[in-house]
C-alpha atoms as a PDB file:
ATOM      1  CA  MET A   1     104.911  97.174 103.188  1.00  0.00           C
ATOM      2  CA  LYS A   2     107.924  95.192 104.373  1.00  0.00           C
ATOM      3  CA  GLN A   3     106.203  91.832 103.910  1.00  0.00           C
ATOM      4  CA  ALA A   4     104.976  92.914 100.398  1.00  0.00           C
ATOM      5  CA  LEU A   5     108.573  93.676  99.494  1.00  0.00           C
ATOM      6  CA  PHE A   6     109.686  90.227 100.774  1.00  0.00           C
ATOM      7  CA  ASN A   7     106.885  88.535  98.721  1.00  0.00           C
ATOM      8  CA  LEU A   8     108.477  90.056  95.627  1.00  0.00           C
ATOM      9  CA  LEU A   9     111.921  88.629  96.271  1.00  0.00           C
ATOM     10  CA  PRO A  10     111.591  85.442  94.231  1.00  0.00           C
ATOM     11  CA  PRO A  11     110.390  87.026  91.046  1.00  0.00           C
ATOM     12  CA  ALA A  12     112.769  90.011  91.517  1.00  0.00           C
ATOM     13  CA  THR A  13     115.710  87.574  91.904  1.00  0.00           C
ATOM     14  CA  VAL A  14     114.764  85.703  88.686  1.00  0.00           C
ATOM     15  CA  ALA A  15     114.391  89.102  86.930  1.00  0.00           C
ATOM     16  CA  ALA A  16     117.845  90.191  88.028  1.00  0.00           C
ATOM     17  CA  ILE A  17     119.445  86.907  86.694  1.00  0.00           C
ATOM     18  CA  LEU A  18     117.594  87.316  83.464  1.00  0.00           C
ATOM     19  CA  ALA A  19     118.808  90.981  83.135  1.00  0.00           C
ATOM     20  CA  PHE A  20     122.384  89.957  83.994  1.00  0.00           C
ATOM     21  CA  TRP A  21     122.625  87.242  81.331  1.00  0.00           C
ATOM     22  CA  ALA A  22     120.757  89.395  78.780  1.00  0.00           C
ATOM     23  CA  PHE A  23     123.282  92.193  79.049  1.00  0.00           C
ATOM     24  CA  ALA A  24     126.375  90.314  80.037  1.00  0.00           C
ATOM     25  CA  PRO A  25     129.402  90.975  77.808  1.00  0.00           C
ATOM     26  CA  ALA A  26     130.414  88.095  75.496  1.00  0.00           C
ATOM     27  CA  GLU A  27     133.714  87.450  77.351  1.00  0.00           C
ATOM     28  CA  TRP A  28     131.701  86.855  80.588  1.00  0.00           C
ATOM     29  CA  VAL A  29     129.422  84.426  78.874  1.00  0.00           C
ATOM     30  CA  ASP A  30     132.392  82.443  77.513  1.00  0.00           C
ATOM     31  CA  LYS A  31     133.936  81.992  80.929  1.00  0.00           C
ATOM     32  CA  TRP A  32     132.967  78.426  82.069  1.00  0.00           C
ATOM     33  CA  TRP A  33     132.856  79.467  85.765  1.00  0.00           C
ATOM     34  CA  MET A  34     130.442  82.375  85.373  1.00  0.00           C
ATOM     35  CA  ILE A  35     127.261  80.247  85.552  1.00  0.00           C
ATOM     36  CA  THR A  36     128.491  78.777  88.891  1.00  0.00           C
ATOM     37  CA  ALA A  37     129.486  82.064  90.280  1.00  0.00           C
ATOM     38  CA  VAL A  38     126.050  83.627  89.518  1.00  0.00           C
ATOM     39  CA  GLY A  39     124.278  80.605  90.967  1.00  0.00           C
ATOM     40  CA  LEU A  40     126.350  80.807  94.194  1.00  0.00           C
ATOM     41  CA  VAL A  41     125.707  84.478  94.622  1.00  0.00           C
ATOM     42  CA  ALA A  42     121.930  83.812  94.148  1.00  0.00           C
ATOM     43  CA  LEU A  43     122.150  81.009  96.711  1.00  0.00           C
ATOM     44  CA  ALA A  44     124.115  83.170  99.209  1.00  0.00           C
ATOM     45  CA  PHE A  45     121.484  85.929  98.893  1.00  0.00           C
ATOM     46  CA  VAL A  46     118.521  83.562  99.572  1.00  0.00           C
ATOM     47  CA  GLN A  47     120.338  81.954 102.476  1.00  0.00           C
ATOM     48  CA  LEU A  48     120.966  85.460 103.946  1.00  0.00           C
ATOM     49  CA  MET A  49     117.357  86.257 103.670  1.00  0.00           C
ATOM     50  CA  GLU A  50     116.624  83.367 106.089  1.00  0.00           C
ATOM     51  CA  PHE A  51     118.208  85.438 108.852  1.00  0.00           C
ATOM     52  CA  VAL A  52     116.263  88.539 107.762  1.00  0.00           C
ATOM     53  CA  ALA A  53     112.782  87.024 107.412  1.00  0.00           C
ATOM     54  CA  GLU A  54     112.579  83.626 108.998  1.00  0.00           C
ATOM     55  CA  ARG A  55     109.510  81.541 108.135  1.00  0.00           C
ATOM     56  CA  HIS A  56     109.602  78.809 110.807  1.00  0.00           C
ATOM     57  CA  VAL A  57     111.732  78.833 113.956  1.00  0.00           C
ATOM     58  CA  GLY A  58     111.880  74.979 113.776  1.00  0.00           C
ATOM     59  CA  TRP A  59     113.748  75.289 110.474  1.00  0.00           C
ATOM     60  CA  ARG A  60     116.435  77.693 111.821  1.00  0.00           C
ATOM     61  CA  ILE A  61     119.727  76.547 110.390  1.00  0.00           C
ATOM     62  CA  ASN A  62     122.335  75.408 112.867  1.00  0.00           C
ATOM     63  CA  ARG A  63     126.070  74.670 112.423  1.00  0.00           C
ATOM     64  CA  GLN A  64     125.559  70.913 111.633  1.00  0.00           C
ATOM     65  CA  GLU A  65     122.826  71.632 109.021  1.00  0.00           C
ATOM     66  CA  PHE A  66     124.983  74.419 107.478  1.00  0.00           C
ATOM     67  CA  LEU A  67     128.090  72.269 107.164  1.00  0.00           C
ATOM     68  CA  THR A  68     126.125  69.327 105.791  1.00  0.00           C
ATOM     69  CA  ASP A  69     124.339  71.523 103.226  1.00  0.00           C
ATOM     70  CA  LEU A  70     127.663  73.194 102.288  1.00  0.00           C
ATOM     71  CA  PHE A  71     129.115  69.750 101.557  1.00  0.00           C
ATOM     72  CA  TYR A  72     126.316  68.901  99.237  1.00  0.00           C
ATOM     73  CA  VAL A  73     126.572  72.295  97.480  1.00  0.00           C
ATOM     74  CA  LEU A  74     130.228  71.584  96.814  1.00  0.00           C
ATOM     75  CA  LEU A  75     129.437  67.984  95.739  1.00  0.00           C
ATOM     76  CA  GLY A  76     126.790  69.351  93.319  1.00  0.00           C
ATOM     77  CA  ILE A  77     129.021  71.892  91.543  1.00  0.00           C
ATOM     78  CA  THR A  78     131.992  69.432  91.345  1.00  0.00           C
ATOM     79  CA  ALA A  79     131.384  65.690  91.245  1.00  0.00           C
ATOM     80  CA  ILE A  80     127.742  65.652  90.198  1.00  0.00           C
ATOM     81  CA  SER A  81     128.304  68.371  87.580  1.00  0.00           C
ATOM     82  CA  TRP A  82     131.347  66.277  86.308  1.00  0.00           C
ATOM     83  CA  ALA A  83     129.316  63.057  86.270  1.00  0.00           C
ATOM     84  CA  SER A  84     126.525  64.726  84.277  1.00  0.00           C
ATOM     85  CA  ASP A  85     128.957  66.155  81.742  1.00  0.00           C
ATOM     86  CA  THR A  86     131.016  62.943  81.483  1.00  0.00           C
ATOM     87  CA  PHE A  87     128.275  60.394  81.333  1.00  0.00           C
ATOM     88  CA  ALA A  88     125.267  62.273  79.911  1.00  0.00           C
ATOM     89  CA  ASN A  89     125.887  65.714  78.234  1.00  0.00           C
ATOM     90  CA  GLY A  90     129.238  64.711  76.678  1.00  0.00           C
ATOM     91  CA  PRO A  91     128.023  61.481  75.080  1.00  0.00           C
ATOM     92  CA  MET A  92     124.721  63.197  73.961  1.00  0.00           C
ATOM     93  CA  GLY A  93     126.807  66.050  72.258  1.00  0.00           C
ATOM     94  CA  GLU A  94     129.072  63.454  70.581  1.00  0.00           C
ATOM     95  CA  ALA A  95     125.903  61.480  69.331  1.00  0.00           C
ATOM     96  CA  LYS A  96     124.476  64.768  68.046  1.00  0.00           C
ATOM     97  CA  GLU A  97     127.576  65.521  66.124  1.00  0.00           C
ATOM     98  CA  ALA A  98     127.888  61.947  64.734  1.00  0.00           C
ATOM     99  CA  MET A  99     124.300  62.055  63.561  1.00  0.00           C
ATOM    100  CA  GLY A 100     124.563  65.446  62.117  1.00  0.00           C
ATOM    101  CA  LEU A 101     121.705  66.842  64.185  1.00  0.00           C
ATOM    102  CA  ALA A 102     121.546  70.668  64.067  1.00  0.00           C
ATOM    103  CA  THR A 103     118.931  73.106  65.238  1.00  0.00           C
ATOM    104  CA  PRO A 104     120.524  76.492  64.374  1.00  0.00           C
ATOM    105  CA  TRP A 105     117.053  78.092  64.186  1.00  0.00           C
ATOM    106  CA  ILE A 106     116.884  77.928  68.040  1.00  0.00           C
ATOM    107  CA  ALA A 107     119.730  80.326  68.447  1.00  0.00           C
ATOM    108  CA  GLU A 108     117.850  82.825  66.197  1.00  0.00           C
ATOM    109  CA  LEU A 109     114.926  82.921  68.627  1.00  0.00           C
ATOM    110  CA  PRO A 110     114.471  85.858  71.115  1.00  0.00           C
ATOM    111  CA  PHE A 111     116.477  85.642  74.318  1.00  0.00           C
ATOM    112  CA  LEU A 112     113.406  85.103  76.587  1.00  0.00           C
ATOM    113  CA  VAL A 113     111.945  82.466  74.231  1.00  0.00           C
ATOM    114  CA  GLN A 114     115.112  80.486  74.495  1.00  0.00           C
ATOM    115  CA  VAL A 115     115.141  80.845  78.228  1.00  0.00           C
ATOM    116  CA  ALA A 116     111.619  79.676  78.559  1.00  0.00           C
ATOM    117  CA  MET A 117     112.306  76.738  76.214  1.00  0.00           C
ATOM    118  CA  VAL A 118     115.287  75.503  78.332  1.00  0.00           C
ATOM    119  CA  MET A 119     113.359  75.935  81.575  1.00  0.00           C
ATOM    120  CA  LEU A 120     110.326  74.005  80.214  1.00  0.00           C
ATOM    121  CA  LEU A 121     112.433  71.192  78.701  1.00  0.00           C
ATOM    122  CA  VAL A 122     114.569  70.713  81.832  1.00  0.00           C
ATOM    123  CA  GLU A 123     111.620  70.826  84.183  1.00  0.00           C
ATOM    124  CA  PHE A 124     109.421  68.570  82.127  1.00  0.00           C
ATOM    125  CA  GLY A 125     112.133  65.838  82.431  1.00  0.00           C
ATOM    126  CA  GLN A 126     112.654  66.498  86.135  1.00  0.00           C
ATOM    127  CA  TYR A 127     108.925  66.471  86.791  1.00  0.00           C
ATOM    128  CA  TRP A 128     108.615  62.906  85.366  1.00  0.00           C
ATOM    129  CA  MET A 129     111.877  61.641  86.831  1.00  0.00           C
ATOM    130  CA  HIS A 130     110.720  62.956  90.234  1.00  0.00           C
ATOM    131  CA  ARG A 131     107.258  61.497  89.919  1.00  0.00           C
ATOM    132  CA  TRP A 132     108.786  58.154  88.856  1.00  0.00           C
ATOM    133  CA  MET A 133     110.967  58.162  91.997  1.00  0.00           C
ATOM    134  CA  HIS A 134     107.901  58.278  94.144  1.00  0.00           C
ATOM    135  CA  ASN A 135     106.408  55.406  92.392  1.00  0.00           C
ATOM    136  CA  ASN A 136     109.274  52.997  91.977  1.00  0.00           C
ATOM    137  CA  GLY A 137     110.931  51.102  94.780  1.00  0.00           C
ATOM    138  CA  PHE A 138     114.595  51.383  93.839  1.00  0.00           C
ATOM    139  CA  LEU A 139     114.262  55.010  92.546  1.00  0.00           C
ATOM    140  CA  TRP A 140     112.506  55.935  95.858  1.00  0.00           C
ATOM    141  CA  SER A 141     115.401  54.427  97.765  1.00  0.00           C
ATOM    142  CA  THR A 142     117.689  56.957  96.018  1.00  0.00           C
ATOM    143  CA  HIS A 143     115.259  59.862  96.511  1.00  0.00           C
ATOM    144  CA  ALA A 144     114.202  59.022 100.045  1.00  0.00           C
ATOM    145  CA  PRO A 145     117.317  60.614 101.718  1.00  0.00           C
ATOM    146  CA  HIS A 146     116.106  63.941 100.325  1.00  0.00           C
ATOM    147  CA  HIS A 147     112.874  63.453 102.230  1.00  0.00           C
ATOM    148  CA  HIS A 148     114.690  62.583 105.452  1.00  0.00           C
ATOM    149  CA  ILE A 149     115.624  66.212 105.790  1.00  0.00           C
ATOM    150  CA  THR A 150     113.829  67.625 108.760  1.00  0.00           C
ATOM    151  CA  GLN A 151     114.046  71.354 108.009  1.00  0.00           C
ATOM    152  CA  LEU A 152     114.006  73.274 104.743  1.00  0.00           C
ATOM    153  CA  ASN A 153     116.785  75.811 103.999  1.00  0.00           C
ATOM    154  CA  ALA A 154     118.014  77.319 100.738  1.00  0.00           C
ATOM    155  CA  MET A 155     120.712  74.871 100.178  1.00  0.00           C
ATOM    156  CA  LYS A 156     118.533  71.726 100.780  1.00  0.00           C
ATOM    157  CA  GLY A 157     117.832  71.260  97.081  1.00  0.00           C
ATOM    158  CA  TYR A 158     121.475  69.986  96.834  1.00  0.00           C
ATOM    159  CA  VAL A 159     120.890  67.414  99.526  1.00  0.00           C
ATOM    160  CA  GLY A 160     120.449  63.668  98.582  1.00  0.00           C
ATOM    161  CA  ASN A 161     121.864  60.441  97.514  1.00  0.00           C
ATOM    162  CA  PRO A 162     124.487  60.915  94.651  1.00  0.00           C
ATOM    163  CA  ILE A 163     122.537  58.490  92.393  1.00  0.00           C
ATOM    164  CA  GLU A 164     119.412  60.598  92.653  1.00  0.00           C
ATOM    165  CA  LEU A 165     121.400  63.866  92.241  1.00  0.00           C
ATOM    166  CA  PHE A 166     122.832  62.492  88.970  1.00  0.00           C
ATOM    167  CA  LEU A 167     119.473  61.263  87.689  1.00  0.00           C
ATOM    168  CA  ILE A 168     117.659  64.390  88.467  1.00  0.00           C
ATOM    169  CA  SER A 169     120.295  66.393  86.580  1.00  0.00           C
ATOM    170  CA  LEU A 170     119.606  64.674  83.275  1.00  0.00           C
ATOM    171  CA  SER A 171     118.186  66.616  80.345  1.00  0.00           C
ATOM    172  CA  VAL A 172     118.182  66.755  76.507  1.00  0.00           C
ATOM    173  CA  ILE A 173     119.471  70.299  76.303  1.00  0.00           C
ATOM    174  CA  ALA A 174     122.904  68.996  74.975  1.00  0.00           C
ATOM    175  CA  LEU A 175     121.018  67.866  71.801  1.00  0.00           C
ATOM    176  CA  LEU A 176     119.841  71.375  70.925  1.00  0.00           C
ATOM    177  CA  ASP A 177     121.729  74.456  69.766  1.00  0.00           C
ATOM    178  CA  PHE A 178     120.783  77.109  72.354  1.00  0.00           C
ATOM    179  CA  ASP A 179     122.862  80.203  72.747  1.00  0.00           C
ATOM    180  CA  LYS A 180     124.979  80.181  75.979  1.00  0.00           C
ATOM    181  CA  ALA A 181     123.515  83.315  77.452  1.00  0.00           C
ATOM    182  CA  PRO A 182     119.826  82.221  77.465  1.00  0.00           C
ATOM    183  CA  MET A 183     120.872  78.640  78.521  1.00  0.00           C
ATOM    184  CA  PHE A 184     122.883  79.932  81.452  1.00  0.00           C
ATOM    185  CA  ALA A 185     120.083  82.406  82.367  1.00  0.00           C
ATOM    186  CA  ALA A 186     117.534  79.505  82.347  1.00  0.00           C
ATOM    187  CA  PHE A 187     119.681  77.201  84.586  1.00  0.00           C
ATOM    188  CA  ASN A 188     120.427  80.085  86.984  1.00  0.00           C
ATOM    189  CA  SER A 189     116.804  81.073  87.133  1.00  0.00           C
ATOM    190  CA  LEU A 190     115.743  77.411  87.812  1.00  0.00           C
ATOM    191  CA  GLY A 191     118.367  77.320  90.593  1.00  0.00           C
ATOM    192  CA  ALA A 192     116.998  80.539  92.172  1.00  0.00           C
ATOM    193  CA  ILE A 193     113.461  79.287  92.109  1.00  0.00           C
ATOM    194  CA  SER A 194     114.631  75.993  93.719  1.00  0.00           C
ATOM    195  CA  TYR A 195     116.493  77.973  96.444  1.00  0.00           C
ATOM    196  CA  TYR A 196     113.355  79.829  97.397  1.00  0.00           C
ATOM    197  CA  ALA A 197     111.279  76.651  97.172  1.00  0.00           C
ATOM    198  CA  HIS A 198     113.507  75.091  99.834  1.00  0.00           C
ATOM    199  CA  ALA A 199     114.195  78.227 101.875  1.00  0.00           C
ATOM    200  CA  ASN A 200     113.154  79.201 105.309  1.00  0.00           C
ATOM    201  CA  VAL A 201     112.195  82.656 104.060  1.00  0.00           C
ATOM    202  CA  ARG A 202     108.915  84.394 104.776  1.00  0.00           C
ATOM    203  CA  ALA A 203     108.150  85.219 101.125  1.00  0.00           C
ATOM    204  CA  ASP A 204     104.818  84.332  99.531  1.00  0.00           C
ATOM    205  CA  PRO A 205     105.235  85.400  95.796  1.00  0.00           C
ATOM    206  CA  PRO A 206     102.303  86.914  93.903  1.00  0.00           C
ATOM    207  CA  LYS A 207      99.636  84.504  92.522  1.00  0.00           C
ATOM    208  CA  TRP A 208     100.796  84.955  88.969  1.00  0.00           C
ATOM    209  CA  PHE A 209     104.266  83.717  89.959  1.00  0.00           C
ATOM    210  CA  SER A 210     103.095  80.860  92.058  1.00  0.00           C
ATOM    211  CA  PHE A 211     100.734  79.755  89.330  1.00  0.00           C
ATOM    212  CA  PHE A 212     103.713  78.866  87.136  1.00  0.00           C
ATOM    213  CA  PHE A 213     106.597  78.450  89.561  1.00  0.00           C
ATOM    214  CA  THR A 214     107.158  76.315  92.625  1.00  0.00           C
ATOM    215  CA  THR A 215     107.112  78.148  95.997  1.00  0.00           C
ATOM    216  CA  ILE A 216     107.903  77.155  99.576  1.00  0.00           C
ATOM    217  CA  GLN A 217     104.235  76.486 100.200  1.00  0.00           C
ATOM    218  CA  HIS A 218     104.030  73.997  97.362  1.00  0.00           C
ATOM    219  CA  HIS A 219     107.366  72.253  98.150  1.00  0.00           C
ATOM    220  CA  SER A 220     107.040  72.218 101.938  1.00  0.00           C
ATOM    221  CA  LEU A 221     103.756  70.216 101.406  1.00  0.00           C
ATOM    222  CA  HIS A 222     105.781  67.808  99.172  1.00  0.00           C
ATOM    223  CA  HIS A 223     108.202  67.384 102.158  1.00  0.00           C
ATOM    224  CA  THR A 224     105.526  66.931 104.794  1.00  0.00           C
ATOM    225  CA  ALA A 225     106.102  64.453 107.532  1.00  0.00           C
ATOM    226  CA  GLU A 226     102.473  63.328 107.644  1.00  0.00           C
ATOM    227  CA  SER A 227     103.107  60.246 105.539  1.00  0.00           C
ATOM    228  CA  PHE A 228     104.729  58.988 102.392  1.00  0.00           C
ATOM    229  CA  GLU A 229     101.435  59.229 100.485  1.00  0.00           C
ATOM    230  CA  ASP A 230     101.187  62.937 101.461  1.00  0.00           C
ATOM    231  CA  THR A 231     104.491  63.647  99.637  1.00  0.00           C
ATOM    232  CA  ARG A 232     103.144  62.383  96.340  1.00  0.00           C
ATOM    233  CA  CYS A 233     102.146  65.822  95.052  1.00  0.00           C
ATOM    234  CA  ASN A 234     103.786  68.944  93.850  1.00  0.00           C
ATOM    235  CA  TYR A 235     106.584  67.198  92.009  1.00  0.00           C
ATOM    236  CA  GLY A 236     107.690  70.262  90.039  1.00  0.00           C
ATOM    237  CA  ASN A 237     111.041  71.266  91.326  1.00  0.00           C
ATOM    238  CA  CYS A 238     110.737  74.726  89.837  1.00  0.00           C
ATOM    239  CA  ILE A 239     107.728  74.737  87.538  1.00  0.00           C
ATOM    240  CA  ILE A 240     104.528  73.861  89.427  1.00  0.00           C
ATOM    241  CA  LEU A 241     102.570  74.276  86.194  1.00  0.00           C
ATOM    242  CA  PHE A 242     103.214  70.615  85.293  1.00  0.00           C
ATOM    243  CA  ASP A 243     101.594  69.479  88.444  1.00  0.00           C
ATOM    244  CA  ARG A 244      98.486  71.610  87.542  1.00  0.00           C
ATOM    245  CA  MET A 245      98.472  70.058  84.034  1.00  0.00           C
ATOM    246  CA  PHE A 246      98.969  66.435  85.117  1.00  0.00           C
ATOM    247  CA  GLY A 247      96.771  66.302  88.176  1.00  0.00           C
ATOM    248  CA  THR A 248      99.377  66.066  90.908  1.00  0.00           C
ATOM    249  CA  PHE A 249      99.006  69.615  92.365  1.00  0.00           C
ATOM    250  CA  ARG A 250      97.852  70.167  95.894  1.00  0.00           C
ATOM    251  CA  GLU A 251      97.207  73.388  97.692  1.00  0.00           C
ATOM    252  CA  GLY A 252      98.553  73.879 101.167  1.00  0.00           C
ATOM    253  CA  GLU A 253     101.748  74.107 103.225  1.00  0.00           C
ATOM    254  CA  SER A 254     103.441  72.059 105.880  1.00  0.00           C
ATOM    255  CA  ALA A 255     105.829  73.252 108.632  1.00  0.00           C
ATOM    256  CA  ILE A 256     106.888  69.774 109.661  1.00  0.00           C
ATOM    257  CA  ALA A 257     109.325  67.893 107.250  1.00  0.00           C
ATOM    258  CA  GLY A 258     110.731  64.438 107.282  1.00  0.00           C
ATOM    259  CA  GLN A 259     110.088  60.706 106.701  1.00  0.00           C
ATOM    260  CA  ASP A 260     110.277  57.554 108.804  1.00  0.00           C
ATOM    261  CA  ASP A 261     109.741  59.130 112.258  1.00  0.00           C
ATOM    262  CA  ARG A 262     111.595  62.189 111.036  1.00  0.00           C
ATOM    263  CA  LYS A 263     114.952  60.411 111.408  1.00  0.00           C
ATOM    264  CA  ARG A 264     117.753  62.712 110.212  1.00  0.00           C
ATOM    265  CA  LEU A 265     120.354  60.896 108.169  1.00  0.00           C
ATOM    266  CA  SER A 266     124.044  61.537 108.270  1.00  0.00           C
ATOM    267  CA  ILE A 267     125.987  61.966 105.057  1.00  0.00           C
ATOM    268  CA  LEU A 268     127.188  58.382 105.161  1.00  0.00           C
ATOM    269  CA  GLU A 269     123.699  57.184 105.734  1.00  0.00           C
ATOM    270  CA  GLN A 270     122.398  59.151 102.816  1.00  0.00           C
ATOM    271  CA  PHE A 271     125.038  57.753 100.492  1.00  0.00           C
ATOM    272  CA  LEU A 272     124.422  54.122 101.601  1.00  0.00           C
ATOM    273  CA  PHE A 273     120.551  54.378 101.901  1.00  0.00           C
ATOM    274  CA  PRO A 274     119.708  52.587  98.573  1.00  0.00           C
ATOM    275  CA  PHE A 275     121.964  49.745  99.469  1.00  0.00           C
ATOM    276  CA  GLN A 276     120.646  49.065 102.981  1.00  0.00           C
ATOM    277  CA  PRO A 277     118.685  45.860 101.998  1.00  0.00           C
ATOM    278  CA  TRP A 278     121.892  44.334 100.654  1.00  0.00           C
ATOM    279  CA  ILE A 279     123.875  45.567 103.707  1.00  0.00           C
ATOM    280  CA  GLU A 280     121.326  44.096 106.060  1.00  0.00           C
ATOM    281  CA  ARG A 281     121.316  40.828 104.269  1.00  0.00           C
ATOM    282  CA  TRP A 282     125.135  40.666 104.355  1.00  0.00           C
ATOM    283  CA  ARG A 283     125.098  41.507 108.109  1.00  0.00           C
ATOM    284  CA  THR A 284     122.614  38.785 108.738  1.00  0.00           C
ATOM    285  CA  ARG A 285     124.576  36.310 106.745  1.00  0.00           C
ATOM    286  CA  GLN A 286     127.693  37.209 108.708  1.00  0.00           C
ATOM    287  CA  GLY A 287     125.869  36.750 111.962  1.00  0.00           C
ATOM    288  CA  THR A 288     124.774  33.294 111.067  1.00  0.00           C
ATOM    289  CA  VAL A 289     128.231  32.131 110.060  1.00  0.00           C
END
């Protein structure tokens, strides 16, 4: 019975988020910080569940991992969020206004329909961006730091090189006229699914949920330490349905995560990782002078 309840945690968390935004007063929806607050509450809850129902002892979070993950969470909700708004969402919104693009009919759709549309649009872009990162040399160099993590925890979805974190945040939502409440519900729901997909929580959601949404089983296989080739599956960050549709889905689970002899990277190493070839060339040149 206890395990059955834990298995329901992911869908129950998403349902709670949807209910919150569906019935939230207008003044709450208009507060810019509410979406961040709801996301952090969901993240804290999933992280807490790691202490209640641990999945793998080898993934048990320690002080170093916690502080590193916390740094990336703060980076994500500040610098990465700012960069996305300044260099992507803002310019897209301005272009939309300049071209007179308007989709007022979207705001007339039912709440859950708008939520589903936002989730599918965001995840469709992320699926292809993620897949491209595993098939392009430079993009892989920005994404590889995320695969150097050697354990999975709720906050690990935030960990990576800033270039990758910016690229994976891009979407076309700014070009469309969604209501705030369903848009915020969609983003918070995607966040919660991602937290569980990275979490060291012994929760195996029902088949109907795992058919559409990414779970820790799917995503742990994507992070497997077996080989680089073995990571080229289950690209959906939150919606595994796209992998099923486009032939990249693989069943299974992995308890061992990491790449390149499972070398854990420091924050500085993660930041500099894409530039290592140039750094090495510079060092070689300096050594020959």
